[in-house]
Structures are given as C-alpha cells and as structure tokens.
N, C-alpha and C. Protein backbone atom coordinates (compact mmCIF):
# COMPACT_ATOMS: atom_id res chain seq x y z
N UNK A 1 0.86 -1.17 0.00
CA UNK A 1 0.00 0.00 0.00
C UNK A 1 0.90 1.23 0.00
N UNK A 2 0.69 2.14 -0.94
CA UNK A 2 1.56 3.31 -0.99
C UNK A 2 1.16 4.37 0.05
N UNK A 3 2.03 5.34 0.24
CA UNK A 3 1.82 6.32 1.31
C UNK A 3 0.58 7.19 1.11
N UNK A 4 0.26 7.54 -0.13
CA UNK A 4 -0.95 8.34 -0.39
C UNK A 4 -2.19 7.59 0.06
N UNK A 5 -2.26 6.30 -0.29
CA UNK A 5 -3.41 5.50 0.12
C UNK A 5 -3.46 5.35 1.62
N UNK A 6 -2.31 5.17 2.24
CA UNK A 6 -2.28 5.04 3.70
C UNK A 6 -2.81 6.30 4.36
N UNK A 7 -2.40 7.45 3.84
CA UNK A 7 -2.86 8.72 4.40
C UNK A 7 -4.37 8.88 4.23
N UNK A 8 -4.86 8.60 3.01
CA UNK A 8 -6.30 8.70 2.74
C UNK A 8 -7.08 7.75 3.64
N UNK A 9 -6.62 6.50 3.72
CA UNK A 9 -7.35 5.50 4.50
C UNK A 9 -7.25 5.76 5.99
N UNK A 10 -6.13 6.25 6.44
CA UNK A 10 -6.02 6.60 7.86
C UNK A 10 -7.06 7.65 8.22
N UNK A 11 -7.24 8.63 7.34
CA UNK A 11 -8.26 9.66 7.58
C UNK A 11 -9.65 9.03 7.53
N UNK A 12 -9.87 8.13 6.59
CA UNK A 12 -11.16 7.44 6.50
C UNK A 12 -11.46 6.67 7.79
N UNK A 13 -10.49 5.91 8.28
CA UNK A 13 -10.72 5.09 9.47
C UNK A 13 -10.92 5.94 10.72
N UNK A 14 -10.30 7.10 10.78
CA UNK A 14 -10.46 7.94 11.97
C UNK A 14 -11.62 8.93 11.85
N UNK A 15 -12.12 9.16 10.64
CA UNK A 15 -13.23 10.10 10.42
C UNK A 15 -14.27 9.49 9.46
N UNK A 16 -14.64 8.27 9.70
CA UNK A 16 -15.54 7.55 8.79
C UNK A 16 -16.83 8.32 8.52
N UNK A 17 -17.33 8.99 9.54
CA UNK A 17 -18.59 9.73 9.40
C UNK A 17 -18.53 10.83 8.33
N UNK A 18 -17.32 11.25 7.95
CA UNK A 18 -17.19 12.27 6.91
C UNK A 18 -17.30 11.67 5.51
N UNK A 19 -17.23 10.36 5.39
CA UNK A 19 -17.19 9.70 4.09
C UNK A 19 -18.43 8.88 3.76
N UNK A 20 -19.07 8.31 4.78
CA UNK A 20 -20.22 7.44 4.52
C UNK A 20 -21.34 7.72 5.50
N UNK A 21 -22.55 7.43 5.03
CA UNK A 21 -23.73 7.51 5.89
C UNK A 21 -24.73 6.47 5.39
N UNK A 22 -25.28 5.71 6.26
CA UNK A 22 -24.98 5.62 7.69
C UNK A 22 -23.61 4.97 7.90
N UNK A 23 -23.04 5.25 9.03
CA UNK A 23 -21.72 4.68 9.36
C UNK A 23 -21.93 3.27 9.88
N UNK A 24 -21.58 2.30 9.04
CA UNK A 24 -21.66 0.90 9.44
C UNK A 24 -20.72 0.08 8.58
N UNK A 25 -20.66 -1.20 8.86
CA UNK A 25 -19.74 -2.08 8.15
C UNK A 25 -19.99 -2.08 6.64
N UNK A 26 -21.23 -2.22 6.24
CA UNK A 26 -21.55 -2.32 4.81
C UNK A 26 -21.17 -1.06 4.05
N UNK A 27 -21.49 0.10 4.57
CA UNK A 27 -21.17 1.34 3.85
C UNK A 27 -19.66 1.57 3.83
N UNK A 28 -18.97 1.18 4.88
CA UNK A 28 -17.51 1.33 4.92
C UNK A 28 -16.84 0.41 3.90
N UNK A 29 -17.30 -0.83 3.81
CA UNK A 29 -16.76 -1.77 2.81
C UNK A 29 -17.06 -1.25 1.41
N UNK A 30 -18.25 -0.73 1.20
CA UNK A 30 -18.59 -0.16 -0.11
C UNK A 30 -17.68 1.01 -0.47
N UNK A 31 -17.33 1.81 0.51
CA UNK A 31 -16.41 2.92 0.26
C UNK A 31 -15.06 2.39 -0.20
N UNK A 32 -14.53 1.39 0.51
CA UNK A 32 -13.24 0.82 0.15
C UNK A 32 -13.29 0.24 -1.26
N UNK A 33 -14.37 -0.46 -1.58
CA UNK A 33 -14.53 -1.03 -2.92
C UNK A 33 -14.54 0.06 -3.98
N UNK A 34 -15.28 1.12 -3.73
CA UNK A 34 -15.34 2.24 -4.67
C UNK A 34 -14.00 2.95 -4.80
N UNK A 35 -13.30 3.11 -3.70
CA UNK A 35 -11.98 3.75 -3.70
C UNK A 35 -11.02 2.93 -4.56
N UNK A 36 -11.04 1.61 -4.37
CA UNK A 36 -10.17 0.75 -5.17
C UNK A 36 -10.54 0.81 -6.65
N UNK A 37 -11.81 0.79 -6.95
CA UNK A 37 -12.24 0.82 -8.34
C UNK A 37 -11.85 2.14 -9.00
N UNK A 38 -11.98 3.23 -8.26
CA UNK A 38 -11.62 4.54 -8.81
C UNK A 38 -10.13 4.59 -9.13
N UNK A 39 -9.31 3.92 -8.33
CA UNK A 39 -7.87 3.90 -8.56
C UNK A 39 -7.42 2.76 -9.47
N UNK A 40 -8.36 1.87 -9.79
CA UNK A 40 -8.08 0.70 -10.61
C UNK A 40 -7.00 -0.19 -9.98
N UNK A 41 -7.09 -0.36 -8.67
CA UNK A 41 -6.17 -1.22 -7.93
C UNK A 41 -6.95 -2.02 -6.89
N UNK A 42 -6.40 -3.16 -6.50
CA UNK A 42 -7.00 -3.95 -5.43
C UNK A 42 -6.02 -4.12 -4.27
N UNK A 43 -5.08 -3.21 -4.16
CA UNK A 43 -4.05 -3.32 -3.12
C UNK A 43 -4.63 -3.28 -1.71
N UNK A 44 -5.70 -2.56 -1.49
CA UNK A 44 -6.27 -2.45 -0.16
C UNK A 44 -6.92 -3.78 0.23
N UNK A 45 -7.71 -4.34 -0.67
CA UNK A 45 -8.32 -5.64 -0.41
C UNK A 45 -7.25 -6.70 -0.15
N UNK A 46 -6.22 -6.68 -0.96
CA UNK A 46 -5.13 -7.64 -0.80
C UNK A 46 -4.44 -7.44 0.54
N UNK A 47 -4.22 -6.20 0.93
CA UNK A 47 -3.58 -5.92 2.22
C UNK A 47 -4.43 -6.43 3.38
N UNK A 48 -5.76 -6.22 3.32
CA UNK A 48 -6.66 -6.75 4.35
C UNK A 48 -6.55 -8.27 4.41
N UNK A 49 -6.64 -8.91 3.25
CA UNK A 49 -6.62 -10.37 3.18
C UNK A 49 -5.33 -10.94 3.78
N UNK A 50 -4.21 -10.38 3.40
CA UNK A 50 -2.91 -10.87 3.90
C UNK A 50 -2.77 -10.61 5.39
N UNK A 51 -3.13 -9.42 5.83
CA UNK A 51 -3.00 -9.05 7.24
C UNK A 51 -3.85 -9.93 8.14
N UNK A 52 -5.10 -10.15 7.76
CA UNK A 52 -5.99 -11.00 8.56
C UNK A 52 -5.46 -12.43 8.60
N UNK A 53 -4.97 -12.89 7.47
CA UNK A 53 -4.44 -14.25 7.40
C UNK A 53 -3.19 -14.42 8.25
N UNK A 54 -2.27 -13.48 8.15
CA UNK A 54 -1.00 -13.60 8.86
C UNK A 54 -1.11 -13.28 10.35
N UNK A 55 -1.76 -12.19 10.68
CA UNK A 55 -1.81 -11.79 12.09
C UNK A 55 -2.84 -12.56 12.90
N UNK A 56 -3.98 -12.83 12.30
CA UNK A 56 -5.09 -13.44 13.04
C UNK A 56 -5.33 -14.91 12.68
N UNK A 57 -4.56 -15.41 11.75
CA UNK A 57 -4.65 -16.82 11.35
C UNK A 57 -6.04 -17.21 10.83
N UNK A 58 -6.70 -16.30 10.16
CA UNK A 58 -7.99 -16.58 9.52
C UNK A 58 -7.73 -16.56 8.02
N UNK A 59 -7.82 -17.71 7.42
CA UNK A 59 -7.48 -17.86 6.00
C UNK A 59 -8.55 -17.26 5.10
N UNK A 60 -8.10 -16.81 3.94
CA UNK A 60 -9.01 -16.29 2.93
C UNK A 60 -9.75 -17.45 2.27
N UNK A 61 -10.95 -17.18 1.80
CA UNK A 61 -11.77 -18.19 1.15
C UNK A 61 -12.51 -17.53 -0.01
N UNK A 62 -13.47 -18.21 -0.55
CA UNK A 62 -14.24 -17.67 -1.67
C UNK A 62 -15.07 -16.46 -1.27
N UNK A 63 -15.22 -16.23 0.03
CA UNK A 63 -15.99 -15.06 0.49
C UNK A 63 -15.14 -13.79 0.55
N UNK A 64 -13.87 -13.88 0.13
CA UNK A 64 -13.01 -12.71 0.06
C UNK A 64 -12.62 -12.16 1.43
N UNK A 65 -11.99 -10.99 1.40
CA UNK A 65 -11.52 -10.40 2.65
C UNK A 65 -12.68 -9.96 3.54
N UNK A 66 -13.81 -9.64 2.93
CA UNK A 66 -14.97 -9.22 3.73
C UNK A 66 -15.49 -10.41 4.55
N UNK A 67 -15.63 -11.55 3.92
CA UNK A 67 -16.04 -12.76 4.64
C UNK A 67 -15.01 -13.17 5.67
N UNK A 68 -13.76 -13.03 5.30
CA UNK A 68 -12.66 -13.34 6.22
C UNK A 68 -12.75 -12.47 7.47
N UNK A 69 -13.01 -11.18 7.28
CA UNK A 69 -13.15 -10.26 8.40
C UNK A 69 -14.38 -10.60 9.25
N UNK A 70 -15.47 -10.97 8.60
CA UNK A 70 -16.67 -11.35 9.35
C UNK A 70 -16.43 -12.60 10.18
N UNK A 71 -15.70 -13.57 9.61
CA UNK A 71 -15.37 -14.78 10.37
C UNK A 71 -14.50 -14.45 11.57
N UNK A 72 -13.54 -13.55 11.38
CA UNK A 72 -12.69 -13.10 12.49
C UNK A 72 -13.54 -12.43 13.56
N UNK A 73 -14.46 -11.60 13.16
CA UNK A 73 -15.35 -10.92 14.11
C UNK A 73 -16.14 -11.91 14.95
N UNK A 74 -16.65 -12.95 14.30
CA UNK A 74 -17.38 -13.98 15.04
C UNK A 74 -16.46 -14.71 16.02
N UNK A 75 -15.25 -15.02 15.58
CA UNK A 75 -14.29 -15.70 16.47
C UNK A 75 -13.97 -14.84 17.70
N UNK A 76 -13.86 -13.53 17.49
CA UNK A 76 -13.53 -12.61 18.58
C UNK A 76 -14.77 -12.13 19.34
N UNK A 77 -15.95 -12.51 18.84
CA UNK A 77 -17.22 -12.10 19.42
C UNK A 77 -17.31 -10.56 19.49
N UNK A 78 -16.95 -9.93 18.38
CA UNK A 78 -16.97 -8.47 18.27
C UNK A 78 -17.75 -8.06 17.03
N UNK A 79 -18.15 -6.82 16.99
CA UNK A 79 -18.85 -6.23 15.86
C UNK A 79 -17.90 -6.15 14.65
N UNK A 80 -18.38 -6.50 13.48
CA UNK A 80 -17.56 -6.48 12.27
C UNK A 80 -16.99 -5.10 11.98
N UNK A 81 -17.78 -4.06 12.19
CA UNK A 81 -17.31 -2.70 11.93
C UNK A 81 -16.16 -2.33 12.86
N UNK A 82 -16.25 -2.73 14.11
CA UNK A 82 -15.17 -2.45 15.06
C UNK A 82 -13.89 -3.15 14.63
N UNK A 83 -13.97 -4.41 14.23
CA UNK A 83 -12.80 -5.15 13.77
C UNK A 83 -12.26 -4.55 12.48
N UNK A 84 -13.15 -4.13 11.59
CA UNK A 84 -12.76 -3.46 10.35
C UNK A 84 -11.90 -2.23 10.65
N UNK A 85 -12.34 -1.41 11.57
CA UNK A 85 -11.60 -0.20 11.90
C UNK A 85 -10.27 -0.52 12.59
N UNK A 86 -10.25 -1.53 13.44
CA UNK A 86 -9.00 -1.92 14.11
C UNK A 86 -7.99 -2.39 13.07
N UNK A 87 -8.41 -3.26 12.19
CA UNK A 87 -7.49 -3.78 11.17
C UNK A 87 -7.07 -2.67 10.21
N UNK A 88 -8.00 -1.83 9.85
CA UNK A 88 -7.65 -0.69 8.99
C UNK A 88 -6.60 0.20 9.64
N UNK A 89 -6.74 0.45 10.92
CA UNK A 89 -5.75 1.25 11.64
C UNK A 89 -4.41 0.54 11.70
N UNK A 90 -4.44 -0.77 11.91
CA UNK A 90 -3.19 -1.53 11.92
C UNK A 90 -2.49 -1.44 10.57
N UNK A 91 -3.25 -1.53 9.50
CA UNK A 91 -2.67 -1.46 8.17
C UNK A 91 -2.08 -0.08 7.85
N UNK A 92 -2.79 0.96 8.21
CA UNK A 92 -2.33 2.30 7.85
C UNK A 92 -1.23 2.81 8.77
N UNK A 93 -1.14 2.27 9.96
CA UNK A 93 -0.12 2.75 10.89
C UNK A 93 1.13 1.89 10.94
N UNK A 94 1.02 0.61 10.52
CA UNK A 94 2.15 -0.29 10.70
C UNK A 94 2.75 -0.83 9.41
N UNK A 95 2.10 -0.69 8.31
CA UNK A 95 2.65 -1.32 7.10
C UNK A 95 3.46 -0.33 6.28
C-alpha cells in the first residue's frame, strides 16, 4: 500500500462519518470497494486479506476479505465494523 493511500485511508478510518452515511460495516466496505475501483487497484483488499491471514490466522476463502473479516469478528465475538476499523488502523499505521 503506498503512502498516499495510507494517508487517505487513515483519515477514513479515523473520520468515517465524513465519508459514509450511515456509518456501518456495509457502507464502509462499499467505500473501500469504490476507492479501489476509482484507482483501478485492489491493493487495499489484498492488504486486508494478507494481514488477517498472517496476524489473526484466519485464512481467505471464496468469500473474500470481507467474509474473512466477518469470520474473524465472530471468532472474537466483536462487531464487524469495530474489527474493520481496528485492522484498517493496523494497516495504515504499521505497514
């Protein structure tokens, strides 16, 4: 993930309410999908998939990184949106 995307996404994860309404998991995922399509890259999805697989040991499947994140949320007994923001912050601050 390049630095411009990290900066943009860091702002998105810390100020989600400025980008989507209502603020929830589905609208946030839709934003990421649209952002990737606008840039014609899938680096963000790939980064999520690899990070979840390596750090949390939840393998990717046919349900993509979104399904992978939902499975992680169930394992942790946490809200998917909360886990989405945590992982997004980990990606933008540590990679």
